[in-house]
Protein backbone atom coordinates (compact mmCIF):
# COMPACT_ATOMS: atom_id res chain seq x y z
CA UNK A 1 106.58 98.35 5.22
CA UNK A 2 103.49 100.41 3.38
CA UNK A 3 100.03 101.65 4.47
CA UNK A 4 96.63 102.04 3.24
CA UNK A 5 95.62 105.22 1.55
CA UNK A 6 91.92 105.18 3.03
CA UNK A 7 88.82 107.50 2.50
CA UNK A 8 87.85 110.38 5.16
CA UNK A 9 85.14 108.31 6.22
CA UNK A 10 87.01 105.54 7.91
CA UNK A 11 88.39 107.89 10.48
CA UNK A 12 84.58 108.19 11.93
CA UNK A 13 84.65 104.08 11.81
CA UNK A 14 87.55 103.98 13.80
CA UNK A 15 86.11 105.40 16.89
CA UNK A 16 83.08 102.85 16.22
CA UNK A 17 85.50 100.24 15.77
CA UNK A 18 86.75 101.14 19.45
CA UNK A 19 83.74 100.76 20.65
CA UNK A 20 82.92 97.26 19.18
CA UNK A 21 86.03 96.22 20.55
CA UNK A 22 84.98 97.38 24.04
CA UNK A 23 81.41 95.55 23.84
CA UNK A 24 83.46 92.59 23.51
CA UNK A 25 85.14 92.73 26.75
CA UNK A 26 83.84 95.78 28.61
CA UNK A 27 84.86 95.05 32.12
CA UNK A 28 88.13 93.42 31.77
CA UNK A 29 89.36 96.33 29.09
CA UNK A 30 88.13 99.21 31.13
CA UNK A 31 90.02 97.73 34.17
CA UNK A 32 93.40 97.48 32.01
CA UNK A 33 92.61 101.23 30.97
CA UNK A 34 92.23 101.98 34.80
CA UNK A 35 95.68 99.81 35.72
CA UNK A 36 97.47 102.09 33.22
CA UNK A 37 96.37 105.15 34.44
CA UNK A 38 97.09 103.91 38.19
CA UNK A 39 100.47 102.92 37.14
CA UNK A 40 101.60 106.36 35.36
CA UNK A 41 99.96 108.24 37.95
CA UNK A 42 102.10 106.47 40.71
CA UNK A 43 105.39 106.43 38.41
CA UNK A 44 104.66 110.28 37.71
CA UNK A 45 104.27 110.83 42.07
CA UNK A 46 107.99 109.78 42.35
CA UNK A 47 110.39 112.89 43.20
CA UNK A 48 112.35 114.05 40.76
CA UNK A 49 112.58 111.36 38.09
CA UNK A 50 108.89 110.31 38.28
CA UNK A 51 107.75 112.18 35.07
CA UNK A 52 110.98 111.53 33.14
CA UNK A 53 110.37 107.68 33.71
CA UNK A 54 106.43 108.20 33.07
CA UNK A 55 107.43 109.60 29.72
CA UNK A 56 109.89 107.31 28.97
CA UNK A 57 107.52 104.50 29.57
CA UNK A 58 104.98 106.17 27.16
CA UNK A 59 105.57 103.53 24.29
CA UNK A 60 106.02 100.24 26.34
CA UNK A 61 102.27 100.97 28.04
CA UNK A 62 101.16 101.92 25.05
CA UNK A 63 101.88 98.56 23.75
CA UNK A 64 100.65 96.66 26.65
CA UNK A 65 97.39 98.44 25.48
CA UNK A 66 97.31 97.63 22.09
CA UNK A 67 98.27 93.65 23.01
CA UNK A 68 95.17 93.97 25.17
CA UNK A 69 92.80 95.35 22.18
CA UNK A 70 94.43 92.39 19.88
CA UNK A 71 93.47 90.15 22.31
CA UNK A 72 89.93 91.26 22.73
CA UNK A 73 89.91 90.93 19.15
CA UNK A 74 90.74 87.34 18.82
CA UNK A 75 88.56 86.41 21.54
CA UNK A 76 91.29 85.63 24.05
CA UNK A 77 90.70 86.40 28.08
CA UNK A 78 92.67 89.04 29.29
CA UNK A 79 95.26 88.62 32.26
CA UNK A 80 95.93 91.20 34.36
CA UNK A 81 99.89 90.89 33.27
CA UNK A 82 98.86 92.54 29.88
CA UNK A 83 99.47 95.70 30.99
CA UNK A 84 103.43 94.15 31.66
CA UNK A 85 103.39 92.56 27.79
CA UNK A 86 104.77 95.30 26.38
CA UNK A 87 108.32 95.19 28.23
CA UNK A 88 108.55 91.61 26.71
CA UNK A 89 108.46 93.11 22.96
CA UNK A 90 111.73 95.15 21.39
CA UNK A 91 112.05 96.83 24.78
CA UNK A 92 115.23 98.90 24.09
CA UNK A 93 113.68 100.21 20.92
CA UNK A 94 110.67 101.31 22.72
CA UNK A 95 112.89 103.01 25.52
CA UNK A 96 114.56 104.79 22.62
CA UNK A 97 111.30 106.10 21.43
CA UNK A 98 110.35 107.11 24.64
CA UNK A 99 113.48 109.00 25.21
CA UNK A 100 113.00 110.77 21.91
CA UNK A 101 109.60 111.65 22.36
CA UNK A 102 111.18 113.53 26.22
CA UNK A 103 113.66 115.13 24.39
CA UNK A 104 110.90 116.54 21.35
CA UNK A 105 108.51 117.17 24.33
CA UNK A 106 111.21 119.41 26.04
CA UNK A 107 112.46 121.11 22.95
CA UNK A 108 108.42 122.30 22.21
CA UNK A 109 108.08 123.42 25.64
CA UNK A 110 111.15 125.10 25.64
CA UNK A 111 110.33 126.87 22.33
CA UNK A 112 106.97 127.92 24.17
CA UNK A 113 108.85 129.20 26.97
CA UNK A 114 110.77 131.73 24.91
CA UNK A 115 107.18 133.13 24.00
CA UNK A 116 105.15 133.32 27.39
CA UNK A 117 108.13 133.08 29.84
CA UNK A 118 107.66 129.61 31.03
CA UNK A 119 103.90 129.89 31.58
CA UNK A 120 102.58 126.88 29.86
CA UNK A 121 106.24 124.60 31.26
CA UNK A 122 104.83 125.71 34.82
CA UNK A 123 101.68 124.88 33.80
CA UNK A 124 102.31 120.96 32.57
CA UNK A 125 105.41 119.95 34.26
CA UNK A 126 105.09 122.04 37.58
CA UNK A 127 101.50 121.47 37.95
CA UNK A 128 101.12 124.47 39.12
CA UNK A 129 98.18 127.30 38.06
CA UNK A 130 99.83 130.89 37.35
CA UNK A 131 97.29 133.89 37.90
CA UNK A 132 94.78 134.78 35.41
CA UNK A 133 96.51 137.42 34.05
CA UNK A 134 99.41 135.50 32.75
CA UNK A 135 96.48 132.81 31.33
CA UNK A 136 94.72 135.45 29.50
CA UNK A 137 97.68 137.19 28.05
CA UNK A 138 98.43 136.89 24.28
CA UNK A 139 101.78 135.53 24.99
CA UNK A 140 100.32 132.48 26.73
CA UNK A 141 97.97 131.89 23.86
CA UNK A 142 100.41 132.38 21.19
CA UNK A 143 102.59 129.80 23.22
CA UNK A 144 99.58 127.26 23.18
CA UNK A 145 99.06 127.38 19.50
CA UNK A 146 102.72 127.09 18.76
CA UNK A 147 103.18 124.02 21.01
CA UNK A 148 100.24 122.56 19.43
CA UNK A 149 101.38 123.24 16.16
CA UNK A 150 104.90 121.48 16.57
CA UNK A 151 103.32 118.43 18.73
CA UNK A 152 101.42 117.42 15.43
CA UNK A 153 104.21 116.00 13.72
CA UNK A 154 105.75 114.73 16.59
CA UNK A 155 101.98 113.09 17.64
CA UNK A 156 101.89 111.59 13.86
CA UNK A 157 105.72 110.25 14.13
CA UNK A 158 104.43 108.40 17.51
CA UNK A 159 100.86 107.43 16.46
CA UNK A 160 101.98 104.16 15.12
CA UNK A 161 105.74 103.76 15.74
CA UNK A 162 105.65 101.76 19.27
CA UNK A 163 103.29 98.97 17.47
CA UNK A 164 105.35 98.94 14.36
CA UNK A 165 108.89 98.30 16.89
CA UNK A 166 107.18 95.63 18.71
CA UNK A 167 104.95 93.79 16.63
CA UNK A 168 107.12 94.42 13.31
CA UNK A 169 110.52 94.96 14.60
CA UNK A 170 111.45 97.88 13.15
CA UNK A 171 114.16 100.27 14.57
CA UNK A 172 113.06 103.69 16.41
CA UNK A 173 114.09 105.65 13.19
CA UNK A 174 112.12 103.23 10.88
CA UNK A 175 109.13 102.91 13.07
CA UNK A 176 108.96 106.84 13.25
CA UNK A 177 109.26 107.16 9.38
CA UNK A 178 106.57 104.82 8.29
CA UNK A 179 104.07 106.24 11.54
CA UNK A 180 104.91 109.58 9.77
CA UNK A 181 104.06 108.84 6.02
CA UNK A 182 101.30 107.01 7.15
CA UNK A 183 99.55 109.39 9.13
CA UNK A 184 100.54 112.27 6.40
CA UNK A 185 99.27 109.61 4.02
CA UNK A 186 95.96 109.38 5.68
CA UNK A 187 95.27 113.08 7.11
CA UNK A 188 91.78 113.07 5.92
CA UNK A 189 90.76 109.97 7.63
CA UNK A 190 92.77 111.36 10.92
CA UNK A 191 90.93 114.51 10.35
CA UNK A 192 87.87 112.79 10.52
CA UNK A 193 88.88 110.58 13.09
CA UNK A 194 89.58 113.90 15.29
CA UNK A 195 86.24 115.36 14.84
CA UNK A 196 84.76 112.15 15.83
CA UNK A 197 86.55 112.12 19.22
CA UNK A 198 85.73 116.05 19.70
CA UNK A 199 82.00 115.12 18.77
CA UNK A 200 81.27 111.88 21.20
CA UNK A 201 84.23 112.71 23.41
CA UNK A 202 83.46 116.32 24.62
CA UNK A 203 80.31 117.83 22.70
CA UNK A 204 77.78 115.20 22.91
CA UNK A 205 78.56 114.85 26.59
CA UNK A 206 78.89 118.28 27.57
CA UNK A 207 75.38 118.69 25.75
CA UNK A 208 73.75 116.03 27.71
CA UNK A 209 74.78 117.23 30.71
CA UNK A 210 73.30 120.39 30.48
CA UNK A 211 70.10 119.19 29.15
CA UNK A 212 70.01 116.90 32.34
CA UNK A 213 70.95 119.70 34.53
CA UNK A 214 68.15 121.89 32.88
CA UNK A 215 65.80 119.12 33.58
CA UNK A 216 66.62 118.32 37.00
CA UNK A 217 68.63 121.21 38.55
CA UNK A 218 69.26 119.61 42.07
CA UNK A 219 71.27 117.18 40.10
CA UNK A 220 73.94 119.07 39.00
CA UNK A 221 76.61 117.67 41.65
CA UNK A 222 75.53 114.06 40.50
CA UNK A 223 75.99 114.49 36.87
CA UNK A 224 79.74 116.33 37.22
CA UNK A 225 80.86 112.91 39.41
CA UNK A 226 78.83 110.44 36.77
CA UNK A 227 79.80 112.16 33.84
CA UNK A 228 84.19 111.52 34.96
CA UNK A 229 83.11 107.62 35.44
CA UNK A 230 81.19 107.00 32.36
CA UNK A 231 84.60 108.88 30.56
CA UNK A 232 86.93 106.82 32.28
CA UNK A 233 84.96 103.34 32.16
CA UNK A 234 83.51 103.77 28.59
CA UNK A 235 84.89 106.69 26.20
CA UNK A 236 88.83 106.20 27.03
CA UNK A 237 88.78 102.18 26.51
CA UNK A 238 87.18 103.08 23.61
CA UNK A 239 89.47 105.63 22.40
CA UNK A 240 92.57 103.37 23.27
CA UNK A 241 90.60 100.93 21.39
CA UNK A 242 90.11 103.19 18.46
CA UNK A 243 94.10 103.56 18.01
CA UNK A 244 94.07 99.88 17.57
CA UNK A 245 91.45 99.77 14.92
CA UNK A 246 93.33 102.77 12.94
CA UNK A 247 96.64 100.82 13.07
CA UNK A 248 94.30 97.76 11.86
CA UNK A 249 92.97 99.49 9.11
CA UNK A 250 96.47 101.27 8.31
CA UNK A 251 98.64 97.79 8.06
CA UNK A 252 97.05 95.01 8.61
CA UNK A 253 95.20 94.50 6.02
CA UNK A 254 98.42 95.24 3.77
CA UNK A 255 100.34 92.40 5.41
CA UNK A 256 97.02 90.38 5.09
CA UNK A 257 96.77 90.83 1.25
CA UNK A 258 100.47 90.27 0.90
């Protein structure tokens, strides 16, 4: 398995490529992403085992979403059952990936807990909000920075791993290795991609809301409701489609040239 070495500017085009896929099938792709969120929320709500099961299934549903994006690109109609299609493709390996991700996340949160006394763990796992003093403490800031730094190689290893396991039949170890190498090799493109996501996912929407609120002061409540809806129905499907665009550029073109 080989990965192309792409220029930095290609990272910006992944987000635009994702939006292009979204435009091909707006409604059903949005409904597929919404169905994924609702399923994950339902699984997370299960007592005791909910969060563990949801984390285990992240690679499986990731493949389902990538299947949906590939079908949209090919012009095939999206059926509701596409959200479960990941369960039919190398399921055992995908569950192994989910288990490894669960262990890695637990280890990182454990390290963060040593730094801040469990404040970050309390927020992410327990869903509790500590007092303001704990959130503003230097220990908590250090724990967040440490966790983010440690999650970078984990995210690199998992970025392409589910698709490589499901579509190319690779083992868990090989899919993680090739994903890590591909991301490291294309770090400039991924840096540009992260900047594009920050600009179009946070900076511009926030700026637009600020301008609209200043122009229509009494519409602030309406805008606060509309913005999350637009993010869910437009930006999030575009974001998931951009994951597929990154895979297609890094791996598929090599396969087609071979």
